Each structure stands twice: as structure tokens, then as C-alpha cells.
Amino acid sequence: MTTTILISRRSIHLLRILVSGIFLVAGINHLLEVEKTAKRIEQANFKGIAYLFGDPQWLIILSGIVMLVAGFLFLIGYKTKWAAMTLIAVLIPITLTVQVGQITTLGPLFKNIAILGGLLFFVMNNTTKLLK
């Protein structure tokens, strides 16, 4: 059974804009601070996850580019569902590698979980056909 819920267009736009911001900033930081980000991975308890995907420095550059492109598409509302799924695909390994297992990073861990929730909203809902 499908229930129809009226949602303000502005709230959808605002959620999309606010969630995209972290990916745009993180993408720029990944590209400008590759060494600093690589050190964070090297200090992480689960750094082995990153090494499963390849050389961390290349992963940092690749993830920076992906976050910038998908973050921008998400920001402007173009292919929102696909952009959200792409950002989820980047967010999960970063969260597992850097935040999980770090008692000092519980705040960032739950921040990433909240961001995941925001992205999942756009994956699970058709926001292109807003009712109100």
C-alpha cells in the first residue's frame, strides 16, 4: 500500500543543497590535501579496507573527483537518485575505513550515518515529481 505524503518543494531543495555541501568541501579537500588524507587512512584501525581497493593516494584523488562531480549534480538536482547512489558508494568505504573503530571519531561516524540517511531519502523517493 502506498501512502501519499505532501512535502514542501523548498524542504526537498534545502535538504539536497545542505547534504551536497559536505561532499563538495570533502572533494576539494581530498584533491588539495592528498598527503594529509593519506595519513588519516594510515592511522585508521581499519586501513586494510582502503588497501583492498588499491593505493590510498589514488583512491583519495578518485574519491575527490567523484565527490565533486556527484556532489555538484546532487546540488543542482540533476540525476539526483544516481548522484545520491554514487555518493553512498563513496561514503560507505570512507566511513568503514576512517570512522569505524575509532573511539575518538564517534561524532564523525554518526555524522556520516546521518548523511547516509539524507542520501537514502533521495534514493528511496521520487523527488522529481513533488506533490506540493
N, C-alpha and C. Protein backbone atom coordinates (compact mmCIF):
# COMPACT_ATOMS: atom_id res chain seq x y z
N MET A 1 0.84 -1.17 0.00
CA MET A 1 0.00 0.00 0.00
C MET A 1 0.89 1.25 0.00
N THR A 2 0.63 2.15 -0.90
CA THR A 2 1.40 3.39 -0.99
C THR A 2 0.61 4.52 -0.38
N THR A 3 1.26 5.25 0.50
CA THR A 3 0.64 6.41 1.12
C THR A 3 1.25 7.66 0.51
N THR A 4 0.40 8.62 0.20
CA THR A 4 0.87 9.88 -0.36
C THR A 4 1.06 10.88 0.76
N ILE A 5 2.24 11.48 0.79
CA ILE A 5 2.56 12.49 1.79
C ILE A 5 2.93 13.78 1.06
N LEU A 6 2.32 14.87 1.45
CA LEU A 6 2.65 16.15 0.85
C LEU A 6 3.94 16.68 1.48
N ILE A 7 4.87 17.06 0.62
CA ILE A 7 6.16 17.58 1.09
C ILE A 7 6.44 18.89 0.38
N SER A 8 6.90 19.85 1.11
CA SER A 8 7.24 21.15 0.54
C SER A 8 8.42 21.02 -0.42
N ARG A 9 8.30 21.61 -1.61
CA ARG A 9 9.41 21.63 -2.57
C ARG A 9 10.64 22.27 -1.94
N ARG A 10 10.43 23.33 -1.21
CA ARG A 10 11.57 24.03 -0.59
C ARG A 10 12.34 23.14 0.37
N SER A 11 11.63 22.30 1.11
CA SER A 11 12.33 21.42 2.06
C SER A 11 13.18 20.40 1.32
N ILE A 12 12.70 19.91 0.20
CA ILE A 12 13.47 18.96 -0.60
C ILE A 12 14.71 19.64 -1.17
N HIS A 13 14.53 20.84 -1.73
CA HIS A 13 15.66 21.58 -2.28
C HIS A 13 16.67 21.91 -1.19
N LEU A 14 16.20 22.33 -0.05
CA LEU A 14 17.08 22.69 1.05
C LEU A 14 17.86 21.47 1.54
N LEU A 15 17.20 20.34 1.69
CA LEU A 15 17.88 19.12 2.11
C LEU A 15 18.96 18.74 1.11
N ARG A 16 18.63 18.79 -0.17
CA ARG A 16 19.59 18.44 -1.21
C ARG A 16 20.80 19.38 -1.19
N ILE A 17 20.56 20.67 -1.05
CA ILE A 17 21.64 21.65 -1.04
C ILE A 17 22.53 21.46 0.18
N LEU A 18 21.93 21.28 1.34
CA LEU A 18 22.71 21.14 2.57
C LEU A 18 23.52 19.85 2.58
N VAL A 19 22.94 18.76 2.10
CA VAL A 19 23.68 17.49 2.08
C VAL A 19 24.82 17.53 1.06
N SER A 20 24.60 18.19 -0.06
CA SER A 20 25.64 18.24 -1.10
C SER A 20 26.88 18.99 -0.63
N GLY A 21 26.71 19.97 0.24
CA GLY A 21 27.82 20.81 0.68
C GLY A 21 28.99 20.03 1.24
N ILE A 22 28.72 19.03 2.04
CA ILE A 22 29.82 18.27 2.66
C ILE A 22 30.64 17.52 1.61
N PHE A 23 29.99 17.06 0.55
CA PHE A 23 30.72 16.34 -0.50
C PHE A 23 31.55 17.29 -1.35
N LEU A 24 31.05 18.48 -1.58
CA LEU A 24 31.82 19.45 -2.34
C LEU A 24 33.07 19.87 -1.57
N VAL A 25 32.91 20.15 -0.28
CA VAL A 25 34.06 20.53 0.55
C VAL A 25 35.03 19.36 0.69
N ALA A 26 34.51 18.17 0.96
CA ALA A 26 35.37 17.00 1.12
C ALA A 26 36.11 16.67 -0.18
N GLY A 27 35.43 16.81 -1.30
CA GLY A 27 36.06 16.54 -2.58
C GLY A 27 37.22 17.48 -2.84
N ILE A 28 37.02 18.76 -2.55
CA ILE A 28 38.11 19.74 -2.70
C ILE A 28 39.25 19.40 -1.76
N ASN A 29 38.92 19.09 -0.51
CA ASN A 29 39.97 18.74 0.47
C ASN A 29 40.74 17.49 0.04
N HIS A 30 40.05 16.50 -0.49
CA HIS A 30 40.75 15.30 -0.94
C HIS A 30 41.76 15.64 -2.03
N LEU A 31 41.39 16.53 -2.94
CA LEU A 31 42.28 16.86 -4.04
C LEU A 31 43.42 17.79 -3.63
N LEU A 32 43.15 18.66 -2.67
CA LEU A 32 44.17 19.63 -2.24
C LEU A 32 45.07 19.09 -1.12
N GLU A 33 44.61 18.10 -0.38
CA GLU A 33 45.35 17.59 0.78
C GLU A 33 45.49 16.07 0.72
N VAL A 34 46.01 15.58 -0.38
CA VAL A 34 46.14 14.13 -0.57
C VAL A 34 47.00 13.52 0.53
N GLU A 35 48.15 14.12 0.81
CA GLU A 35 49.07 13.57 1.83
C GLU A 35 48.43 13.54 3.22
N LYS A 36 47.76 14.62 3.58
CA LYS A 36 47.11 14.70 4.90
C LYS A 36 46.02 13.63 5.02
N THR A 37 45.25 13.47 3.96
CA THR A 37 44.18 12.46 3.97
C THR A 37 44.77 11.06 4.01
N ALA A 38 45.87 10.84 3.29
CA ALA A 38 46.54 9.53 3.30
C ALA A 38 47.03 9.19 4.70
N LYS A 39 47.52 10.19 5.44
CA LYS A 39 47.97 9.95 6.82
C LYS A 39 46.81 9.54 7.71
N ARG A 40 45.63 10.14 7.48
CA ARG A 40 44.45 9.75 8.27
C ARG A 40 44.09 8.29 8.00
N ILE A 41 44.19 7.88 6.75
CA ILE A 41 43.91 6.48 6.41
C ILE A 41 44.94 5.57 7.08
N GLU A 42 46.19 5.96 7.01
CA GLU A 42 47.27 5.14 7.59
C GLU A 42 47.11 4.96 9.10
N GLN A 43 46.51 5.94 9.78
CA GLN A 43 46.31 5.88 11.23
C GLN A 43 45.02 5.16 11.61
N ALA A 44 44.17 4.88 10.64
CA ALA A 44 42.87 4.26 10.92
C ALA A 44 43.03 2.79 11.29
N ASN A 45 42.20 2.34 12.21
CA ASN A 45 42.23 0.94 12.63
C ASN A 45 41.89 -0.02 11.49
N PHE A 46 41.02 0.40 10.60
CA PHE A 46 40.58 -0.46 9.50
C PHE A 46 41.14 0.00 8.16
N LYS A 47 42.40 0.45 8.17
CA LYS A 47 43.03 0.92 6.94
C LYS A 47 43.12 -0.16 5.87
N GLY A 48 43.06 -1.41 6.28
CA GLY A 48 43.11 -2.51 5.33
C GLY A 48 41.97 -2.47 4.32
N ILE A 49 40.84 -1.90 4.72
CA ILE A 49 39.71 -1.78 3.80
C ILE A 49 40.12 -0.92 2.61
N ALA A 50 40.81 0.19 2.88
CA ALA A 50 41.25 1.07 1.79
C ALA A 50 42.19 0.33 0.86
N TYR A 51 43.11 -0.45 1.43
CA TYR A 51 44.09 -1.16 0.61
C TYR A 51 43.46 -2.25 -0.25
N LEU A 52 42.27 -2.73 0.13
CA LEU A 52 41.56 -3.69 -0.71
C LEU A 52 41.19 -3.09 -2.06
N PHE A 53 40.97 -1.77 -2.07
CA PHE A 53 40.55 -1.09 -3.30
C PHE A 53 41.73 -0.56 -4.11
N GLY A 54 42.91 -0.53 -3.51
CA GLY A 54 44.08 -0.04 -4.24
C GLY A 54 44.92 0.91 -3.41
N ASP A 55 45.81 1.61 -4.08
CA ASP A 55 46.69 2.57 -3.44
C ASP A 55 45.87 3.72 -2.85
N PRO A 56 45.97 3.97 -1.55
CA PRO A 56 45.17 5.02 -0.92
C PRO A 56 45.30 6.40 -1.57
N GLN A 57 46.48 6.77 -2.04
CA GLN A 57 46.61 8.10 -2.64
C GLN A 57 45.78 8.21 -3.92
N TRP A 58 45.76 7.17 -4.74
CA TRP A 58 44.92 7.20 -5.93
C TRP A 58 43.44 7.16 -5.56
N LEU A 59 43.12 6.41 -4.52
CA LEU A 59 41.73 6.36 -4.06
C LEU A 59 41.27 7.73 -3.56
N ILE A 60 42.15 8.45 -2.90
CA ILE A 60 41.83 9.78 -2.40
C ILE A 60 41.54 10.72 -3.56
N ILE A 61 42.38 10.68 -4.58
CA ILE A 61 42.18 11.53 -5.76
C ILE A 61 40.88 11.14 -6.48
N LEU A 62 40.69 9.84 -6.69
CA LEU A 62 39.49 9.37 -7.37
C LEU A 62 38.23 9.74 -6.58
N SER A 63 38.26 9.50 -5.27
CA SER A 63 37.08 9.83 -4.46
C SER A 63 36.83 11.34 -4.44
N GLY A 64 37.90 12.13 -4.46
CA GLY A 64 37.73 13.58 -4.51
C GLY A 64 37.02 14.02 -5.78
N ILE A 65 37.43 13.44 -6.90
CA ILE A 65 36.79 13.78 -8.19
C ILE A 65 35.33 13.33 -8.19
N VAL A 66 35.09 12.11 -7.72
CA VAL A 66 33.72 11.58 -7.69
C VAL A 66 32.84 12.42 -6.77
N MET A 67 33.36 12.79 -5.59
CA MET A 67 32.57 13.61 -4.68
C MET A 67 32.24 14.97 -5.28
N LEU A 68 33.19 15.57 -5.99
CA LEU A 68 32.94 16.86 -6.63
C LEU A 68 31.88 16.75 -7.73
N VAL A 69 32.03 15.78 -8.60
CA VAL A 69 31.09 15.64 -9.72
C VAL A 69 29.70 15.25 -9.22
N ALA A 70 29.63 14.17 -8.44
CA ALA A 70 28.32 13.71 -7.94
C ALA A 70 27.72 14.73 -6.97
N GLY A 71 28.57 15.37 -6.16
CA GLY A 71 28.08 16.40 -5.24
C GLY A 71 27.48 17.58 -5.98
N PHE A 72 28.10 17.98 -7.09
CA PHE A 72 27.57 19.09 -7.88
C PHE A 72 26.26 18.70 -8.56
N LEU A 73 26.21 17.49 -9.14
CA LEU A 73 24.97 17.03 -9.75
C LEU A 73 23.84 16.95 -8.73
N PHE A 74 24.19 16.48 -7.54
CA PHE A 74 23.21 16.40 -6.45
C PHE A 74 22.75 17.80 -6.05
N LEU A 75 23.67 18.72 -5.97
CA LEU A 75 23.36 20.11 -5.62
C LEU A 75 22.35 20.72 -6.58
N ILE A 76 22.58 20.54 -7.87
CA ILE A 76 21.70 21.17 -8.86
C ILE A 76 20.45 20.35 -9.16
N GLY A 77 20.37 19.15 -8.59
CA GLY A 77 19.18 18.32 -8.76
C GLY A 77 19.13 17.59 -10.09
N TYR A 78 20.27 17.35 -10.70
CA TYR A 78 20.33 16.62 -11.97
C TYR A 78 20.68 15.17 -11.68
N LYS A 79 19.85 14.25 -12.12
CA LYS A 79 20.06 12.82 -11.86
C LYS A 79 20.30 12.58 -10.37
N THR A 80 19.43 13.14 -9.57
CA THR A 80 19.58 13.16 -8.12
C THR A 80 19.72 11.76 -7.53
N LYS A 81 18.87 10.84 -7.96
CA LYS A 81 18.92 9.48 -7.40
C LYS A 81 20.27 8.83 -7.71
N TRP A 82 20.76 8.97 -8.95
CA TRP A 82 22.05 8.38 -9.33
C TRP A 82 23.20 9.06 -8.61
N ALA A 83 23.12 10.37 -8.47
CA ALA A 83 24.16 11.10 -7.74
C ALA A 83 24.19 10.63 -6.28
N ALA A 84 23.01 10.46 -5.67
CA ALA A 84 22.94 10.00 -4.28
C ALA A 84 23.52 8.60 -4.14
N MET A 85 23.21 7.72 -5.08
CA MET A 85 23.75 6.36 -5.00
C MET A 85 25.28 6.36 -5.17
N THR A 86 25.78 7.22 -6.03
CA THR A 86 27.22 7.34 -6.21
C THR A 86 27.88 7.85 -4.94
N LEU A 87 27.27 8.86 -4.32
CA LEU A 87 27.83 9.40 -3.08
C LEU A 87 27.79 8.37 -1.96
N ILE A 88 26.74 7.55 -1.92
CA ILE A 88 26.67 6.46 -0.94
C ILE A 88 27.82 5.48 -1.17
N ALA A 89 28.07 5.17 -2.44
CA ALA A 89 29.14 4.22 -2.77
C ALA A 89 30.51 4.75 -2.35
N VAL A 90 30.68 6.05 -2.28
CA VAL A 90 31.93 6.64 -1.80
C VAL A 90 31.92 6.76 -0.27
N LEU A 91 30.78 7.12 0.28
CA LEU A 91 30.67 7.37 1.72
C LEU A 91 30.89 6.10 2.55
N ILE A 92 30.36 4.99 2.12
CA ILE A 92 30.43 3.76 2.93
C ILE A 92 31.87 3.30 3.14
N PRO A 93 32.70 3.14 2.10
CA PRO A 93 34.07 2.69 2.38
C PRO A 93 34.89 3.71 3.17
N ILE A 94 34.63 5.00 2.95
CA ILE A 94 35.33 6.02 3.74
C ILE A 94 34.95 5.90 5.21
N THR A 95 33.66 5.73 5.46
CA THR A 95 33.19 5.60 6.85
C THR A 95 33.75 4.35 7.50
N LEU A 96 33.73 3.23 6.79
CA LEU A 96 34.24 1.98 7.35
C LEU A 96 35.74 2.06 7.61
N THR A 97 36.46 2.71 6.73
CA THR A 97 37.92 2.80 6.86
C THR A 97 38.34 3.77 7.95
N VAL A 98 37.78 4.97 7.94
CA VAL A 98 38.30 6.04 8.80
C VAL A 98 37.55 6.17 10.11
N GLN A 99 36.20 6.06 10.10
CA GLN A 99 35.46 6.33 11.33
C GLN A 99 35.18 5.11 12.20
N VAL A 100 34.88 3.97 11.59
CA VAL A 100 34.56 2.79 12.39
C VAL A 100 35.84 2.32 13.10
N GLY A 101 35.70 2.00 14.35
CA GLY A 101 36.84 1.52 15.12
C GLY A 101 37.67 2.61 15.76
N GLN A 102 37.27 3.85 15.59
CA GLN A 102 37.99 4.97 16.20
C GLN A 102 37.11 5.55 17.30
N ILE A 103 37.42 5.27 18.51
CA ILE A 103 36.62 5.77 19.63
C ILE A 103 36.58 7.30 19.65
N THR A 104 37.62 7.92 19.13
CA THR A 104 37.66 9.39 19.12
C THR A 104 36.86 9.99 17.98
N THR A 105 36.35 9.16 17.06
CA THR A 105 35.62 9.70 15.92
C THR A 105 34.15 9.27 15.91
N LEU A 106 33.56 9.10 17.09
CA LEU A 106 32.15 8.73 17.12
C LEU A 106 31.27 9.83 16.53
N GLY A 107 31.63 11.09 16.76
CA GLY A 107 30.87 12.20 16.19
C GLY A 107 30.87 12.13 14.68
N PRO A 108 32.04 12.07 14.03
CA PRO A 108 32.06 11.94 12.58
C PRO A 108 31.39 10.66 12.07
N LEU A 109 31.46 9.58 12.84
CA LEU A 109 30.79 8.34 12.43
C LEU A 109 29.29 8.58 12.32
N PHE A 110 28.71 9.18 13.36
CA PHE A 110 27.27 9.41 13.34
C PHE A 110 26.88 10.53 12.39
N LYS A 111 27.79 11.45 12.09
CA LYS A 111 27.56 12.46 11.06
C LYS A 111 27.42 11.75 9.72
N ASN A 112 28.32 10.81 9.44
CA ASN A 112 28.24 10.07 8.18
C ASN A 112 26.98 9.22 8.11
N ILE A 113 26.55 8.68 9.22
CA ILE A 113 25.31 7.90 9.25
C ILE A 113 24.13 8.82 8.94
N ALA A 114 24.12 10.03 9.49
CA ALA A 114 23.06 10.99 9.21
C ALA A 114 23.06 11.40 7.74
N ILE A 115 24.25 11.62 7.18
CA ILE A 115 24.36 11.97 5.76
C ILE A 115 23.84 10.81 4.91
N LEU A 116 24.18 9.59 5.29
CA LEU A 116 23.67 8.41 4.60
C LEU A 116 22.15 8.42 4.60
N GLY A 117 21.55 8.77 5.73
CA GLY A 117 20.09 8.86 5.80
C GLY A 117 19.53 9.89 4.84
N GLY A 118 20.19 11.05 4.75
CA GLY A 118 19.75 12.07 3.80
C GLY A 118 19.84 11.59 2.36
N LEU A 119 20.94 10.91 2.03
CA LEU A 119 21.10 10.38 0.67
C LEU A 119 20.07 9.29 0.37
N LEU A 120 19.83 8.43 1.34
CA LEU A 120 18.84 7.36 1.15
C LEU A 120 17.44 7.92 0.90
N PHE A 121 17.14 9.07 1.49
CA PHE A 121 15.85 9.71 1.24
C PHE A 121 15.67 9.94 -0.26
N PHE A 122 16.73 10.42 -0.93
CA PHE A 122 16.64 10.70 -2.35
C PHE A 122 16.68 9.44 -3.21
N VAL A 123 17.29 8.39 -2.71
CA VAL A 123 17.31 7.12 -3.43
C VAL A 123 15.93 6.46 -3.35
N MET A 124 15.30 6.56 -2.20
CA MET A 124 14.05 5.84 -1.95
C MET A 124 12.80 6.59 -2.39
N ASN A 125 12.93 7.89 -2.67
CA ASN A 125 11.76 8.69 -3.01
C ASN A 125 11.95 9.37 -4.36
N ASN A 126 10.86 9.47 -5.09
CA ASN A 126 10.88 10.16 -6.37
C ASN A 126 10.67 11.64 -6.10
N THR A 127 11.74 12.38 -6.00
CA THR A 127 11.64 13.81 -5.69
C THR A 127 11.51 14.65 -6.95
N THR A 128 11.48 14.03 -8.12
CA THR A 128 11.30 14.80 -9.34
C THR A 128 9.84 15.15 -9.58
N LYS A 129 8.95 14.39 -8.97
CA LYS A 129 7.52 14.65 -9.11
C LYS A 129 6.94 15.02 -7.75
N LEU A 130 7.34 16.18 -7.26
CA LEU A 130 6.86 16.64 -5.96
C LEU A 130 5.38 16.98 -6.03
N LEU A 131 4.69 16.69 -4.97
CA LEU A 131 3.26 16.92 -4.93
C LEU A 131 2.89 18.36 -4.61
N LYS A 132 3.70 19.01 -3.85
CA LYS A 132 3.32 20.35 -3.40
C LYS A 132 4.52 21.24 -3.37
